[in-house]
C-alpha cells in the first residue's frame, strides 16, 4: 500500500449541520493527483483525512500508480465500510501535461471503480470549492488551508485541505443540492 498521512480533526472541529444524521455509508472526498488528498466521513459521523502518494517507483510500469490507487480505494472501503458517495475536485486546466495525464488516469480509475460498485460520484469545480470554503472563487492554496484550519481541522498540506473542503461542501450543500 502507498504511504499516507492521517490527521484527525481537532476536538473543537464540528459541522454546523442541525439535520445531519449518521448514515449507513461513508462519504469520500478526493483531491486527485500524485499526492492525493482525501477526507472521509464514516457512517458514525467521524471525519478523517490525510494524503497518500501514488508516485511511481523507479522500475514501475506506466499503470502501476493506477493499480495502487484502485487497491487503496478498495482498502479504504473495507476499513470504513461501504462508500455511499464520492466527490472529487474537477480540474479543467492543468499547469503541465504530466499532471493532466496523471489526473486523467486517476479519474478514469476512480470512475470505473465507482461504476463497478454502483457508487455515485461527482466532480466539483475548483472555483466552487474555493468559493464555498473561503468566500472567494480564486483563493490561493494558503487561503484554503487557513479556512480549513478555521473550521478546526489540521491539514498536512494543500491536498488534504482541498479534500476536507470538498467533503465539507458535500455535507453542507448535500452534494450541491442546497
Protein backbone atom coordinates (compact mmCIF):
# COMPACT_ATOMS: atom_id res chain seq x y z
CA UNK A 1 0.00 0.00 0.00
CA UNK A 2 1.16 3.54 -0.69
CA UNK A 3 2.40 5.54 2.31
CA UNK A 4 -0.12 8.03 3.67
CA UNK A 5 -0.69 10.51 6.43
CA UNK A 6 -3.70 10.52 8.68
CA UNK A 7 -4.78 13.51 10.68
CA UNK A 8 -7.78 13.73 12.91
CA UNK A 9 -9.73 16.95 13.31
CA UNK A 10 -9.09 18.93 16.45
CA UNK A 11 -11.51 18.43 19.33
CA UNK A 12 -13.34 21.67 18.52
CA UNK A 13 -13.91 20.69 14.88
CA UNK A 14 -17.56 20.20 14.12
CA UNK A 15 -20.07 20.70 11.41
CA UNK A 16 -22.97 23.03 11.91
CA UNK A 17 -25.48 20.67 10.38
CA UNK A 18 -28.52 20.51 12.65
CA UNK A 19 -30.22 17.89 10.47
CA UNK A 20 -27.11 15.72 9.99
CA UNK A 21 -27.76 12.14 10.97
CA UNK A 22 -25.41 9.21 10.77
CA UNK A 23 -25.93 7.30 7.54
CA UNK A 24 -25.22 3.70 6.72
CA UNK A 25 -22.47 4.61 4.28
CA UNK A 26 -19.33 6.71 4.20
CA UNK A 27 -18.80 9.83 2.07
CA UNK A 28 -15.41 10.21 0.39
CA UNK A 29 -13.85 13.41 -0.96
CA UNK A 30 -10.69 13.37 -3.09
CA UNK A 31 -8.18 15.84 -4.47
CA UNK A 32 -6.70 13.66 -7.23
CA UNK A 33 -3.01 13.87 -8.06
CA UNK A 34 0.33 12.17 -7.50
CA UNK A 35 -0.17 13.16 -3.87
CA UNK A 36 -3.89 12.61 -3.41
CA UNK A 37 -5.69 14.36 -0.59
CA UNK A 38 -8.63 12.52 0.92
CA UNK A 39 -11.30 13.14 3.53
CA UNK A 40 -13.92 10.66 4.65
CA UNK A 41 -16.98 10.91 6.83
CA UNK A 42 -17.61 7.46 8.30
CA UNK A 43 -21.15 6.18 8.88
CA UNK A 44 -20.85 7.23 12.54
CA UNK A 45 -20.11 10.85 11.51
CA UNK A 46 -16.38 10.81 12.32
CA UNK A 47 -14.30 12.70 9.77
CA UNK A 48 -10.77 11.55 8.99
CA UNK A 49 -8.43 12.86 6.35
CA UNK A 50 -4.92 12.58 5.01
CA UNK A 51 -2.77 12.26 1.93
CA UNK A 52 -1.48 9.28 0.02
CA UNK A 53 1.31 9.26 -2.56
CA UNK A 54 0.98 7.46 -5.88
CA UNK A 55 4.43 8.45 -7.11
CA UNK A 56 5.79 5.61 -9.23
CA UNK A 57 8.86 3.70 -8.09
CA UNK A 58 11.92 3.64 -10.31
CA UNK A 59 11.09 0.44 -12.18
CA UNK A 60 7.28 0.67 -12.14
CA UNK A 61 5.35 0.31 -15.36
CA UNK A 62 3.11 3.15 -16.50
CA UNK A 63 -0.03 1.69 -14.97
CA UNK A 64 1.26 0.81 -11.52
CA UNK A 65 0.21 4.09 -9.88
CA UNK A 66 -3.36 3.47 -11.06
CA UNK A 67 -3.38 -0.11 -9.79
CA UNK A 68 -2.12 1.14 -6.42
CA UNK A 69 -4.84 3.80 -6.43
CA UNK A 70 -7.60 1.23 -7.08
CA UNK A 71 -6.18 -1.05 -4.38
CA UNK A 72 -6.06 1.88 -1.96
CA UNK A 73 -9.73 2.72 -2.68
CA UNK A 74 -10.69 -0.90 -2.03
CA UNK A 75 -8.72 -0.99 1.24
CA UNK A 76 -10.31 2.31 2.30
CA UNK A 77 -13.77 0.91 1.63
CA UNK A 78 -13.00 -2.26 3.59
CA UNK A 79 -11.81 -0.20 6.57
CA UNK A 80 -14.52 2.48 6.52
CA UNK A 81 -17.48 0.42 5.40
CA UNK A 82 -19.45 0.91 2.22
CA UNK A 83 -18.89 4.20 0.45
CA UNK A 84 -22.17 5.89 -0.42
CA UNK A 85 -20.86 8.81 -2.50
CA UNK A 86 -17.59 10.16 -3.86
CA UNK A 87 -16.89 13.84 -4.55
CA UNK A 88 -13.65 14.85 -6.24
CA UNK A 89 -12.04 18.08 -7.38
CA UNK A 90 -12.86 18.60 -11.04
CA UNK A 91 -9.83 20.25 -12.64
CA UNK A 92 -10.30 21.69 -16.12
CA UNK A 93 -6.90 23.32 -16.50
CA UNK A 94 -3.54 21.83 -15.60
CA UNK A 95 -0.17 23.55 -15.36
CA UNK A 96 1.65 20.71 -17.14
CA UNK A 97 0.99 17.82 -19.47
CA UNK A 98 2.19 15.21 -16.99
CA UNK A 99 -0.18 16.50 -14.30
CA UNK A 100 -3.05 16.32 -16.79
CA UNK A 101 -2.19 12.73 -17.69
CA UNK A 102 -1.93 11.65 -14.05
CA UNK A 103 -5.23 13.36 -13.19
CA UNK A 104 -6.97 11.76 -16.17
CA UNK A 105 -5.68 8.30 -15.26
CA UNK A 106 -6.71 8.66 -11.63
CA UNK A 107 -10.12 9.99 -12.60
CA UNK A 108 -10.66 7.10 -15.05
CA UNK A 109 -9.62 4.61 -12.37
CA UNK A 110 -11.89 6.28 -9.80
CA UNK A 111 -14.95 6.42 -12.03
CA UNK A 112 -14.58 2.82 -13.22
CA UNK A 113 -14.08 1.67 -9.59
CA UNK A 114 -17.23 3.55 -8.58
CA UNK A 115 -19.25 2.29 -11.56
CA UNK A 116 -18.36 -1.32 -10.77
CA UNK A 117 -19.71 -0.85 -7.23
CA UNK A 118 -22.70 1.34 -8.04
CA UNK A 119 -21.27 4.26 -6.04
CA UNK A 120 -22.41 7.70 -7.24
CA UNK A 121 -19.61 10.16 -7.93
CA UNK A 122 -19.45 13.85 -8.71
CA UNK A 123 -16.75 16.24 -9.84
CA UNK A 124 -16.82 19.60 -8.09
CA UNK A 125 -15.29 22.58 -9.94
CA UNK A 126 -12.25 24.17 -8.29
CA UNK A 127 -13.90 27.61 -8.12
CA UNK A 128 -16.96 26.17 -6.38
CA UNK A 129 -14.81 24.60 -3.67
CA UNK A 130 -12.73 27.75 -3.15
CA UNK A 131 -15.80 30.00 -3.07
CA UNK A 132 -17.50 27.70 -0.56
CA UNK A 133 -14.59 27.45 1.88
CA UNK A 134 -13.06 30.97 1.56
CA UNK A 135 -15.80 33.10 0.03
CA UNK A 136 -13.55 33.79 -2.96
CA UNK A 137 -13.54 31.62 -6.10
CA UNK A 138 -9.93 32.37 -6.98
CA UNK A 139 -8.42 32.00 -3.50
CA UNK A 140 -4.85 30.71 -3.28
CA UNK A 141 -3.73 27.50 -1.57
CA UNK A 142 -2.80 29.24 1.67
CA UNK A 143 -6.26 30.81 1.95
CA UNK A 144 -7.89 27.38 1.56
CA UNK A 145 -5.58 25.89 4.19
CA UNK A 146 -6.35 28.78 6.58
CA UNK A 147 -10.11 28.44 6.03
CA UNK A 148 -9.99 24.70 6.71
CA UNK A 149 -7.96 25.33 9.87
CA UNK A 150 -10.59 27.87 10.99
CA UNK A 151 -13.09 25.00 10.81
CA UNK A 152 -10.97 23.08 13.33
CA UNK A 153 -9.02 20.72 11.07
CA UNK A 154 -5.24 20.37 10.78
CA UNK A 155 -4.40 19.59 7.15
CA UNK A 156 -0.84 18.45 6.42
CA UNK A 157 -0.80 20.23 3.06
CA UNK A 158 -2.96 21.84 0.37
CA UNK A 159 -4.04 18.45 -1.00
CA UNK A 160 -5.56 17.41 2.31
CA UNK A 161 -7.07 20.88 2.81
CA UNK A 162 -8.76 20.67 -0.60
CA UNK A 163 -10.19 17.22 0.22
CA UNK A 164 -11.55 18.46 3.55
CA UNK A 165 -13.08 21.49 1.81
CA UNK A 166 -14.73 19.21 -0.77
CA UNK A 167 -16.14 16.99 1.98
CA UNK A 168 -17.49 19.96 3.93
CA UNK A 169 -19.04 21.32 0.73
CA UNK A 170 -20.67 17.94 0.00
CA UNK A 171 -22.04 17.66 3.54
CA UNK A 172 -23.27 21.22 3.92
CA UNK A 173 -24.80 21.52 0.43
CA UNK A 174 -25.88 17.88 0.20
CA UNK A 175 -23.74 17.48 -2.89
CA UNK A 176 -24.70 20.83 -4.37
CA UNK A 177 -28.47 20.43 -3.92
CA UNK A 178 -28.76 23.29 -1.42
